[in-house]
Amino acid sequence: MALRRCPECHKKISDSVEHCIHCGFSFKEADLEIYKQKLEQRRLENQEINRQSVKIHLIWLAIFIAVIVTATVLQN
């Protein structure tokens, strides 16, 4: 009897069971396909959030640099 990790709760369970005894995750083919689709959707959403976050960080960096340059010019 081999063990595998449940992708939902990450606890070890037997590879012969159809449902995780800890969280109820189903290992049936149809349910696994739905789970994979949800994971892909989450990955795409997170990728978009990361892109937006990078843009915001770059804008703040540009503002910070502009303030430093302005302060340096005004000080001289």
PDB file of N, CA and C in Angstrom:
ATOM      1  N   MET A   1       0.845  -1.176   0.000  1.00  0.00           N
ATOM      2  CA  MET A   1       0.000   0.000   0.000  1.00  0.00           C
ATOM      3  C   MET A   1       0.894   1.244   0.000  1.00  0.00           C
ATOM      4  N   ALA A   2       0.783   2.026  -1.032  1.00  0.00           N
ATOM      5  CA  ALA A   2       1.569   3.247  -1.149  1.00  0.00           C
ATOM      6  C   ALA A   2       0.764   4.437  -0.623  1.00  0.00           C
ATOM      7  N   LEU A   3       1.486   5.464  -0.257  1.00  0.00           N
ATOM      8  CA  LEU A   3       0.839   6.681   0.226  1.00  0.00           C
ATOM      9  C   LEU A   3       1.023   7.800  -0.781  1.00  0.00           C
ATOM     10  N   ARG A   4       0.075   8.700  -0.815  1.00  0.00           N
ATOM     11  CA  ARG A   4       0.172   9.903  -1.634  1.00  0.00           C
ATOM     12  C   ARG A   4      -0.343  11.071  -0.812  1.00  0.00           C
ATOM     13  N   ARG A   5      -0.022  12.255  -1.266  1.00  0.00           N
ATOM     14  CA  ARG A   5      -0.485  13.455  -0.566  1.00  0.00           C
ATOM     15  C   ARG A   5      -1.752  13.963  -1.214  1.00  0.00           C
ATOM     16  N   CYS A   6      -2.683  14.367  -0.397  1.00  0.00           N
ATOM     17  CA  CYS A   6      -3.909  14.980  -0.894  1.00  0.00           C
ATOM     18  C   CYS A   6      -3.554  16.377  -1.393  1.00  0.00           C
ATOM     19  N   PRO A   7      -3.963  16.740  -2.613  1.00  0.00           N
ATOM     20  CA  PRO A   7      -3.625  18.070  -3.119  1.00  0.00           C
ATOM     21  C   PRO A   7      -4.357  19.198  -2.400  1.00  0.00           C
ATOM     22  N   GLU A   8      -5.406  18.867  -1.694  1.00  0.00           N
ATOM     23  CA  GLU A   8      -6.195  19.895  -1.012  1.00  0.00           C
ATOM     24  C   GLU A   8      -5.667  20.169   0.396  1.00  0.00           C
ATOM     25  N   CYS A   9      -5.516  19.130   1.217  1.00  0.00           N
ATOM     26  CA  CYS A   9      -5.088  19.333   2.616  1.00  0.00           C
ATOM     27  C   CYS A   9      -3.626  18.940   2.849  1.00  0.00           C
ATOM     28  N   HIS A  10      -2.981  18.318   1.872  1.00  0.00           N
ATOM     29  CA  HIS A  10      -1.562  17.938   1.902  1.00  0.00           C
ATOM     30  C   HIS A  10      -1.224  16.884   2.958  1.00  0.00           C
ATOM     31  N   LYS A  11      -2.213  16.121   3.402  1.00  0.00           N
ATOM     32  CA  LYS A  11      -1.937  15.037   4.344  1.00  0.00           C
ATOM     33  C   LYS A  11      -1.759  13.739   3.571  1.00  0.00           C
ATOM     34  N   LYS A  12      -0.998  12.826   4.138  1.00  0.00           N
ATOM     35  CA  LYS A  12      -0.747  11.544   3.485  1.00  0.00           C
ATOM     36  C   LYS A  12      -1.956  10.627   3.646  1.00  0.00           C
ATOM     37  N   ILE A  13      -2.306   9.988   2.523  1.00  0.00           N
ATOM     38  CA  ILE A  13      -3.424   9.038   2.533  1.00  0.00           C
ATOM     39  C   ILE A  13      -3.051   7.861   1.643  1.00  0.00           C
ATOM     40  N   SER A  14      -3.794   6.809   1.745  1.00  0.00           N
ATOM     41  CA  SER A  14      -3.573   5.634   0.915  1.00  0.00           C
ATOM     42  C   SER A  14      -3.904   5.954  -0.538  1.00  0.00           C
ATOM     43  N   ASP A  15      -3.172   5.356  -1.458  1.00  0.00           N
ATOM     44  CA  ASP A  15      -3.454   5.606  -2.870  1.00  0.00           C
ATOM     45  C   ASP A  15      -4.632   4.785  -3.380  1.00  0.00           C
ATOM     46  N   SER A  16      -5.222   3.956  -2.532  1.00  0.00           N
ATOM     47  CA  SER A  16      -6.352   3.130  -2.956  1.00  0.00           C
ATOM     48  C   SER A  16      -7.709   3.749  -2.618  1.00  0.00           C
ATOM     49  N   VAL A  17      -7.731   4.865  -1.910  1.00  0.00           N
ATOM     50  CA  VAL A  17      -9.009   5.479  -1.538  1.00  0.00           C
ATOM     51  C   VAL A  17      -9.482   6.438  -2.622  1.00  0.00           C
ATOM     52  N   GLU A  18     -10.801   6.631  -2.703  1.00  0.00           N
ATOM     53  CA  GLU A  18     -11.373   7.548  -3.689  1.00  0.00           C
ATOM     54  C   GLU A  18     -11.597   8.938  -3.119  1.00  0.00           C
ATOM     55  N   HIS A  19     -11.633   9.051  -1.780  1.00  0.00           N
ATOM     56  CA  HIS A  19     -11.838  10.339  -1.110  1.00  0.00           C
ATOM     57  C   HIS A  19     -10.830  10.471   0.016  1.00  0.00           C
ATOM     58  N   CYS A  20     -10.345  11.674   0.217  1.00  0.00           N
ATOM     59  CA  CYS A  20      -9.446  11.944   1.335  1.00  0.00           C
ATOM     60  C   CYS A  20     -10.235  11.812   2.637  1.00  0.00           C
ATOM     61  N   ILE A  21      -9.673  11.080   3.581  1.00  0.00           N
ATOM     62  CA  ILE A  21     -10.380  10.886   4.848  1.00  0.00           C
ATOM     63  C   ILE A  21     -10.332  12.133   5.724  1.00  0.00           C
ATOM     64  N   HIS A  22      -9.443  13.073   5.397  1.00  0.00           N
ATOM     65  CA  HIS A  22      -9.288  14.278   6.211  1.00  0.00           C
ATOM     66  C   HIS A  22     -10.174  15.420   5.724  1.00  0.00           C
ATOM     67  N   CYS A  23     -10.205  15.642   4.393  1.00  0.00           N
ATOM     68  CA  CYS A  23     -10.947  16.803   3.873  1.00  0.00           C
ATOM     69  C   CYS A  23     -12.053  16.433   2.887  1.00  0.00           C
ATOM     70  N   GLY A  24     -12.098  15.174   2.451  1.00  0.00           N
ATOM     71  CA  GLY A  24     -13.155  14.744   1.545  1.00  0.00           C
ATOM     72  C   GLY A  24     -12.868  14.965   0.066  1.00  0.00           C
ATOM     73  N   PHE A  25     -11.632  15.358  -0.269  1.00  0.00           N
ATOM     74  CA  PHE A  25     -11.273  15.582  -1.664  1.00  0.00           C
ATOM     75  C   PHE A  25     -11.466  14.291  -2.456  1.00  0.00           C
ATOM     76  N   SER A  26     -12.081  14.395  -3.634  1.00  0.00           N
ATOM     77  CA  SER A  26     -12.376  13.229  -4.451  1.00  0.00           C
ATOM     78  C   SER A  26     -11.271  13.001  -5.482  1.00  0.00           C
ATOM     79  N   PHE A  27     -10.843  11.740  -5.612  1.00  0.00           N
ATOM     80  CA  PHE A  27      -9.804  11.382  -6.568  1.00  0.00           C
ATOM     81  C   PHE A  27     -10.374  10.731  -7.829  1.00  0.00           C
ATOM     82  N   LYS A  28     -11.670  10.874  -8.057  1.00  0.00           N
ATOM     83  CA  LYS A  28     -12.276  10.356  -9.279  1.00  0.00           C
ATOM     84  C   LYS A  28     -11.780  11.197 -10.452  1.00  0.00           C
ATOM     85  N   GLU A  29     -11.683  10.585 -11.627  1.00  0.00           N
ATOM     86  CA  GLU A  29     -11.130  11.254 -12.813  1.00  0.00           C
ATOM     87  C   GLU A  29     -11.853  12.561 -13.133  1.00  0.00           C
ATOM     88  N   ALA A  30     -13.178  12.545 -13.108  1.00  0.00           N
ATOM     89  CA  ALA A  30     -13.948  13.753 -13.435  1.00  0.00           C
ATOM     90  C   ALA A  30     -13.664  14.861 -12.434  1.00  0.00           C
ATOM     91  N   ASP A  31     -13.584  14.503 -11.160  1.00  0.00           N
ATOM     92  CA  ASP A  31     -13.315  15.501 -10.126  1.00  0.00           C
ATOM     93  C   ASP A  31     -11.879  16.031 -10.223  1.00  0.00           C
ATOM     94  N   LEU A  32     -10.939  15.158 -10.584  1.00  0.00           N
ATOM     95  CA  LEU A  32      -9.554  15.603 -10.759  1.00  0.00           C
ATOM     96  C   LEU A  32      -9.437  16.581 -11.924  1.00  0.00           C
ATOM     97  N   GLU A  33     -10.188  16.335 -12.994  1.00  0.00           N
ATOM     98  CA  GLU A  33     -10.159  17.236 -14.144  1.00  0.00           C
ATOM     99  C   GLU A  33     -10.718  18.612 -13.758  1.00  0.00           C
ATOM    100  N   ILE A  34     -11.796  18.631 -13.002  1.00  0.00           N
ATOM    101  CA  ILE A  34     -12.374  19.899 -12.523  1.00  0.00           C
ATOM    102  C   ILE A  34     -11.371  20.621 -11.630  1.00  0.00           C
ATOM    103  N   TYR A  35     -10.688  19.866 -10.761  1.00  0.00           N
ATOM    104  CA  TYR A  35      -9.692  20.451  -9.871  1.00  0.00           C
ATOM    105  C   TYR A  35      -8.542  21.069 -10.673  1.00  0.00           C
ATOM    106  N   LYS A  36      -8.089  20.371 -11.722  1.00  0.00           N
ATOM    107  CA  LYS A  36      -7.016  20.893 -12.565  1.00  0.00           C
ATOM    108  C   LYS A  36      -7.441  22.173 -13.270  1.00  0.00           C
ATOM    109  N   GLN A  37      -8.687  22.234 -13.721  1.00  0.00           N
ATOM    110  CA  GLN A  37      -9.189  23.443 -14.370  1.00  0.00           C
ATOM    111  C   GLN A  37      -9.229  24.611 -13.387  1.00  0.00           C
ATOM    112  N   LYS A  38      -9.660  24.348 -12.168  1.00  0.00           N
ATOM    113  CA  LYS A  38      -9.690  25.395 -11.148  1.00  0.00           C
ATOM    114  C   LYS A  38      -8.290  25.883 -10.814  1.00  0.00           C
ATOM    115  N   LEU A  39      -7.338  24.950 -10.741  1.00  0.00           N
ATOM    116  CA  LEU A  39      -5.952  25.339 -10.478  1.00  0.00           C
ATOM    117  C   LEU A  39      -5.413  26.227 -11.588  1.00  0.00           C
ATOM    118  N   GLU A  40      -5.710  25.874 -12.829  1.00  0.00           N
ATOM    119  CA  GLU A  40      -5.252  26.679 -13.959  1.00  0.00           C
ATOM    120  C   GLU A  40      -5.887  28.072 -13.923  1.00  0.00           C
ATOM    121  N   GLN A  41      -7.167  28.136 -13.574  1.00  0.00           N
ATOM    122  CA  GLN A  41      -7.850  29.427 -13.473  1.00  0.00           C
ATOM    123  C   GLN A  41      -7.224  30.284 -12.371  1.00  0.00           C
ATOM    124  N   ARG A  42      -6.934  29.677 -11.225  1.00  0.00           N
ATOM    125  CA  ARG A  42      -6.282  30.409 -10.130  1.00  0.00           C
ATOM    126  C   ARG A  42      -4.900  30.906 -10.540  1.00  0.00           C
ATOM    127  N   ARG A  43      -4.156  30.049 -11.274  1.00  0.00           N
ATOM    128  CA  ARG A  43      -2.826  30.427 -11.723  1.00  0.00           C
ATOM    129  C   ARG A  43      -2.882  31.641 -12.635  1.00  0.00           C
ATOM    130  N   LEU A  44      -3.853  31.656 -13.547  1.00  0.00           N
ATOM    131  CA  LEU A  44      -4.004  32.790 -14.455  1.00  0.00           C
ATOM    132  C   LEU A  44      -4.406  34.062 -13.702  1.00  0.00           C
ATOM    133  N   GLU A  45      -5.301  33.922 -12.733  1.00  0.00           N
ATOM    134  CA  GLU A  45      -5.711  35.073 -11.925  1.00  0.00           C
ATOM    135  C   GLU A  45      -4.515  35.620 -11.134  1.00  0.00           C
ATOM    136  N   ASN A  46      -3.729  34.729 -10.536  1.00  0.00           N
ATOM    137  CA  ASN A  46      -2.556  35.163  -9.778  1.00  0.00           C
ATOM    138  C   ASN A  46      -1.525  35.816 -10.685  1.00  0.00           C
ATOM    139  N   GLN A  47      -1.388  35.313 -11.891  1.00  0.00           N
ATOM    140  CA  GLN A  47      -0.463  35.899 -12.854  1.00  0.00           C
ATOM    141  C   GLN A  47      -0.880  37.333 -13.179  1.00  0.00           C
ATOM    142  N   GLU A  48      -2.172  37.574 -13.351  1.00  0.00           N
ATOM    143  CA  GLU A  48      -2.667  38.922 -13.638  1.00  0.00           C
ATOM    144  C   GLU A  48      -2.459  39.842 -12.433  1.00  0.00           C
ATOM    145  N   ILE A  49      -2.694  39.341 -11.240  1.00  0.00           N
ATOM    146  CA  ILE A  49      -2.472  40.131 -10.027  1.00  0.00           C
ATOM    147  C   ILE A  49      -0.998  40.502  -9.911  1.00  0.00           C
ATOM    148  N   ASN A  50      -0.115  39.563 -10.217  1.00  0.00           N
ATOM    149  CA  ASN A  50       1.319  39.847 -10.159  1.00  0.00           C
ATOM    150  C   ASN A  50       1.717  40.904 -11.175  1.00  0.00           C
ATOM    151  N   ARG A  51       1.143  40.856 -12.374  1.00  0.00           N
ATOM    152  CA  ARG A  51       1.436  41.884 -13.380  1.00  0.00           C
ATOM    153  C   ARG A  51       1.019  43.262 -12.877  1.00  0.00           C
ATOM    154  N   GLN A  52      -0.177  43.341 -12.300  1.00  0.00           N
ATOM    155  CA  GLN A  52      -0.660  44.622 -11.785  1.00  0.00           C
ATOM    156  C   GLN A  52       0.223  45.101 -10.643  1.00  0.00           C
ATOM    157  N   SER A  53       0.654  44.191  -9.801  1.00  0.00           N
ATOM    158  CA  SER A  53       1.505  44.551  -8.676  1.00  0.00           C
ATOM    159  C   SER A  53       2.841  45.102  -9.164  1.00  0.00           C
ATOM    160  N   VAL A  54       3.409  44.499 -10.180  1.00  0.00           N
ATOM    161  CA  VAL A  54       4.678  44.976 -10.734  1.00  0.00           C
ATOM    162  C   VAL A  54       4.500  46.377 -11.294  1.00  0.00           C
ATOM    163  N   LYS A  55       3.400  46.631 -11.985  1.00  0.00           N
ATOM    164  CA  LYS A  55       3.147  47.960 -12.532  1.00  0.00           C
ATOM    165  C   LYS A  55       3.068  48.992 -11.417  1.00  0.00           C
ATOM    166  N   ILE A  56       2.360  48.671 -10.357  1.00  0.00           N
ATOM    167  CA  ILE A  56       2.215  49.599  -9.235  1.00  0.00           C
ATOM    168  C   ILE A  56       3.576  49.861  -8.582  1.00  0.00           C
ATOM    169  N   HIS A  57       4.374  48.808  -8.410  1.00  0.00           N
ATOM    170  CA  HIS A  57       5.701  48.987  -7.822  1.00  0.00           C
ATOM    171  C   HIS A  57       6.588  49.861  -8.706  1.00  0.00           C
ATOM    172  N   LEU A  58       6.511  49.685  -9.999  1.00  0.00           N
ATOM    173  CA  LEU A  58       7.305  50.512 -10.906  1.00  0.00           C
ATOM    174  C   LEU A  58       6.868  51.971 -10.863  1.00  0.00           C
ATOM    175  N   ILE A  59       5.562  52.203 -10.760  1.00  0.00           N
ATOM    176  CA  ILE A  59       5.062  53.577 -10.643  1.00  0.00           C
ATOM    177  C   ILE A  59       5.584  54.218  -9.364  1.00  0.00           C
ATOM    178  N   TRP A  60       5.515  53.496  -8.243  1.00  0.00           N
ATOM    179  CA  TRP A  60       6.016  54.043  -6.979  1.00  0.00           C
ATOM    180  C   TRP A  60       7.518  54.275  -7.025  1.00  0.00           C
ATOM    181  N   LEU A  61       8.235  53.391  -7.692  1.00  0.00           N
ATOM    182  CA  LEU A  61       9.674  53.580  -7.843  1.00  0.00           C
ATOM    183  C   LEU A  61       9.963  54.845  -8.649  1.00  0.00           C
ATOM    184  N   ALA A  62       9.223  55.072  -9.720  1.00  0.00           N
ATOM    185  CA  ALA A  62       9.409  56.278 -10.529  1.00  0.00           C
ATOM    186  C   ALA A  62       9.101  57.534  -9.717  1.00  0.00           C
ATOM    187  N   ILE A  63       8.047  57.496  -8.915  1.00  0.00           N
ATOM    188  CA  ILE A  63       7.701  58.640  -8.066  1.00  0.00           C
ATOM    189  C   ILE A  63       8.809  58.883  -7.047  1.00  0.00           C
ATOM    190  N   PHE A  64       9.312  57.832  -6.437  1.00  0.00           N
ATOM    191  CA  PHE A  64      10.382  57.957  -5.447  1.00  0.00           C
ATOM    192  C   PHE A  64      11.631  58.568  -6.076  1.00  0.00           C
ATOM    193  N   ILE A  65      11.999  58.087  -7.249  1.00  0.00           N
ATOM    194  CA  ILE A  65      13.169  58.627  -7.943  1.00  0.00           C
ATOM    195  C   ILE A  65      12.953  60.097  -8.299  1.00  0.00           C
ATOM    196  N   ALA A  66      11.750  60.442  -8.747  1.00  0.00           N
ATOM    197  CA  ALA A  66      11.454  61.830  -9.099  1.00  0.00           C
ATOM    198  C   ALA A  66      11.568  62.734  -7.874  1.00  0.00           C
ATOM    199  N   VAL A  67      11.100  62.269  -6.725  1.00  0.00           N
ATOM    200  CA  VAL A  67      11.188  63.053  -5.492  1.00  0.00           C
ATOM    201  C   VAL A  67      12.651  63.233  -5.090  1.00  0.00           C
ATOM    202  N   ILE A  68      13.442  62.179  -5.163  1.00  0.00           N
ATOM    203  CA  ILE A  68      14.859  62.261  -4.805  1.00  0.00           C
ATOM    204  C   ILE A  68      15.585  63.227  -5.748  1.00  0.00           C
ATOM    205  N   VAL A  69      15.330  63.103  -7.046  1.00  0.00           N
ATOM    206  CA  VAL A  69      15.982  63.990  -8.014  1.00  0.00           C
ATOM    207  C   VAL A  69      15.556  65.432  -7.771  1.00  0.00           C
ATOM    208  N   THR A  70      14.277  65.680  -7.532  1.00  0.00           N
ATOM    209  CA  THR A  70      13.781  67.033  -7.265  1.00  0.00           C
ATOM    210  C   THR A  70      14.417  67.599  -6.002  1.00  0.00           C
ATOM    211  N   ALA A  71      14.498  66.812  -4.961  1.00  0.00           N
ATOM    212  CA  ALA A  71      15.111  67.269  -3.709  1.00  0.00           C
ATOM    213  C   ALA A  71      16.584  67.568  -3.902  1.00  0.00           C
ATOM    214  N   THR A  72      17.271  66.769  -4.681  1.00  0.00           N
ATOM    215  CA  THR A  72      18.690  67.007  -4.963  1.00  0.00           C
ATOM    216  C   THR A  72      18.892  68.298  -5.752  1.00  0.00           C
ATOM    217  N   VAL A  73      18.052  68.507  -6.752  1.00  0.00           N
ATOM    218  CA  VAL A  73      18.163  69.736  -7.586  1.00  0.00           C
ATOM    219  C   VAL A  73      17.840  70.969  -6.756  1.00  0.00           C
ATOM    220  N   LEU A  74      16.827  70.911  -5.927  1.00  0.00           N
ATOM    221  CA  LEU A  74      16.450  72.070  -5.108  1.00  0.00           C
ATOM    222  C   LEU A  74      17.488  72.357  -4.021  1.00  0.00           C
ATOM    223  N   GLN A  75      18.177  71.337  -3.572  1.00  0.00           N
ATOM    224  CA  GLN A  75      19.171  71.528  -2.515  1.00  0.00           C
ATOM    225  C   GLN A  75      20.411  72.222  -3.051  1.00  0.00           C
ATOM    226  N   ASN A  76      20.738  72.034  -4.302  1.00  0.00           N
ATOM    227  CA  ASN A  76      21.932  72.654  -4.888  1.00  0.00           C
ATOM    228  C   ASN A  76      21.578  73.999  -5.359  1.00  0.00           C
TER     229      ASN A  76
END
